[in-house]
Amino acid sequence: QVQLVESGGGLVQAGGSLRLSCAASGRTFSSLLMGWFRQAPGKERELVAAISWGGGSTYYADSVKGRFTISRSNAKNTVYLQMNSLKPEDTAVYYCAAERSTSSYVARPEYEYDYWGQGTQVTVSS
């Protein structure tokens, strides 16, 4: 079993930055593929970014490329999402998720993820 706890959400003005963190416990973190999803009101949950177990492979949704950066520290059992140049359309609940996989193919669909955090709210004001 893996427990995931997100932090770092909040209210920010358009153009600002936030860094989300997700701390994992309960299983060898380095064997997990990690992803960040988001869900805006009235919309389906979407994959924003993902990173392979060793950090060598990453994926970004087109809507966040060039603005968001996913990274991980296996020493700290933590994955991060640095969000820059935030836009009002980035407003959503952001979820951290983990999949038991050491594959380098990281653009995995939602249903393949095994563990989920509770989510953290990100609100971007215009």
Protein backbone atom coordinates (compact mmCIF):
# COMPACT_ATOMS: atom_id res chain seq x y z
CA GLN A 1 0.00 0.00 0.00
CA VAL A 2 1.12 3.54 -0.76
CA GLN A 3 -0.06 6.71 0.92
CA LEU A 4 0.18 9.96 -1.02
CA VAL A 5 -0.17 13.39 0.53
CA GLU A 6 -0.21 16.52 -1.62
CA SER A 7 0.65 20.02 -0.47
CA GLY A 8 1.41 23.41 -1.95
CA GLY A 9 -1.90 24.37 -3.49
CA GLY A 10 -3.49 27.75 -2.99
CA LEU A 11 -4.67 30.97 -4.58
CA VAL A 12 -2.38 32.80 -6.98
CA GLN A 13 -2.77 35.54 -9.54
CA ALA A 14 -2.44 34.86 -13.24
CA GLY A 15 1.20 34.79 -14.23
CA GLY A 16 2.28 33.58 -10.83
CA SER A 17 3.87 30.33 -9.71
CA LEU A 18 3.19 27.49 -7.32
CA ARG A 19 5.04 24.32 -6.47
CA LEU A 20 3.07 21.24 -5.54
CA SER A 21 4.63 18.45 -3.54
CA CYS A 22 3.48 14.89 -3.05
CA ALA A 23 5.01 12.83 -0.27
CA ALA A 24 4.76 9.07 -0.57
CA SER A 25 5.04 6.39 2.07
CA GLY A 26 4.47 2.68 2.40
CA ARG A 27 6.32 1.24 -0.58
CA THR A 28 9.65 1.66 -2.31
CA PHE A 29 9.14 5.01 -3.96
CA SER A 30 11.78 4.44 -6.58
CA SER A 31 9.73 1.61 -8.09
CA LEU A 32 6.75 3.88 -8.75
CA LEU A 33 5.78 5.82 -11.82
CA MET A 34 4.33 9.13 -10.60
CA GLY A 35 1.76 11.40 -12.17
CA TRP A 36 -0.06 14.65 -11.55
CA PHE A 37 -3.68 14.88 -12.64
CA ARG A 38 -6.14 17.72 -12.36
CA GLN A 39 -9.89 18.07 -12.42
CA ALA A 40 -11.66 21.34 -13.03
CA PRO A 41 -15.34 21.82 -12.15
CA GLY A 42 -17.55 20.12 -14.69
CA LYS A 43 -14.63 18.52 -16.49
CA GLU A 44 -13.03 15.10 -16.54
CA ARG A 45 -9.82 14.44 -14.70
CA GLU A 46 -6.82 14.79 -16.99
CA LEU A 47 -3.17 13.82 -16.84
CA VAL A 48 -1.02 16.91 -16.52
CA ALA A 49 2.45 15.43 -16.13
CA ALA A 50 4.14 12.13 -15.34
CA ILE A 51 7.63 10.93 -14.52
CA SER A 52 9.27 7.53 -14.63
CA TRP A 53 10.71 5.78 -11.61
CA GLY A 54 14.22 7.12 -12.20
CA GLY A 55 13.20 10.49 -13.57
CA GLY A 56 14.58 9.81 -17.03
CA SER A 57 11.25 9.99 -18.83
CA THR A 58 8.60 12.66 -18.49
CA TYR A 59 5.29 13.51 -20.07
CA TYR A 60 3.40 16.81 -20.23
CA ALA A 61 -0.03 17.66 -21.50
CA ASP A 62 0.09 20.12 -24.37
CA SER A 63 -1.72 22.70 -22.28
CA VAL A 64 1.13 22.90 -19.74
CA LYS A 65 4.24 22.29 -21.85
CA GLY A 66 6.84 24.95 -21.26
CA ARG A 67 5.12 26.15 -18.08
CA PHE A 68 5.06 23.13 -15.74
CA THR A 69 7.94 20.92 -14.66
CA ILE A 70 7.64 17.57 -12.93
CA SER A 71 10.54 16.23 -10.88
CA ARG A 72 11.15 13.73 -8.13
CA SER A 73 13.50 13.01 -5.28
CA ASN A 74 13.71 9.32 -4.54
CA ALA A 75 15.79 10.14 -1.49
CA LYS A 76 12.90 12.18 -0.10
CA ASN A 77 10.08 9.99 -1.46
CA THR A 78 8.59 13.09 -3.02
CA VAL A 79 7.41 14.21 -6.44
CA TYR A 80 7.02 17.87 -7.35
CA LEU A 81 5.12 19.90 -9.88
CA GLN A 82 6.54 23.36 -10.49
CA MET A 83 3.88 25.49 -12.11
CA ASN A 84 4.89 28.79 -13.71
CA SER A 85 3.00 31.37 -15.77
CA LEU A 86 -0.25 30.14 -14.31
CA LYS A 87 -3.49 30.87 -16.12
CA PRO A 88 -7.08 30.95 -14.85
CA GLU A 89 -7.73 27.79 -16.87
CA ASP A 90 -5.21 25.97 -14.66
CA THR A 91 -7.69 26.26 -11.80
CA ALA A 92 -8.51 22.74 -10.62
CA VAL A 93 -8.02 20.18 -7.92
CA TYR A 94 -4.61 18.62 -8.50
CA TYR A 95 -4.08 14.97 -7.63
CA CYS A 96 -0.91 13.01 -7.19
CA ALA A 97 -1.02 9.39 -8.34
CA ALA A 98 1.30 6.41 -8.40
CA GLU A 99 1.55 3.32 -10.55
CA ARG A 100 3.58 0.23 -9.77
CA SER A 101 5.73 0.41 -12.88
CA THR A 102 9.36 0.80 -13.85
CA SER A 103 8.53 1.41 -17.50
CA SER A 104 9.94 4.42 -19.30
CA TYR A 105 6.61 4.90 -21.09
CA VAL A 106 4.89 7.33 -18.77
CA ALA A 107 1.84 8.66 -20.66
CA ARG A 108 -0.42 6.22 -18.85
CA PRO A 109 -4.21 6.49 -18.65
CA GLU A 110 -5.91 7.23 -15.36
CA TYR A 111 -7.21 3.71 -14.83
CA GLU A 112 -3.67 2.28 -14.71
CA TYR A 113 -2.73 4.23 -11.60
CA ASP A 114 -2.87 2.24 -8.39
CA TYR A 115 -2.75 4.89 -5.69
CA TRP A 116 -4.18 8.39 -5.35
CA GLY A 117 -3.80 11.33 -3.05
CA GLN A 118 -6.68 13.41 -1.71
CA GLY A 119 -6.00 16.35 -3.96
CA THR A 120 -5.03 19.97 -3.43
CA GLN A 121 -6.90 22.99 -4.76
CA VAL A 122 -5.16 25.39 -7.11
CA THR A 123 -7.02 28.58 -7.92
CA VAL A 124 -5.66 31.12 -10.40
CA SER A 125 -7.34 34.50 -10.41
CA SER A 126 -7.41 36.74 -13.46
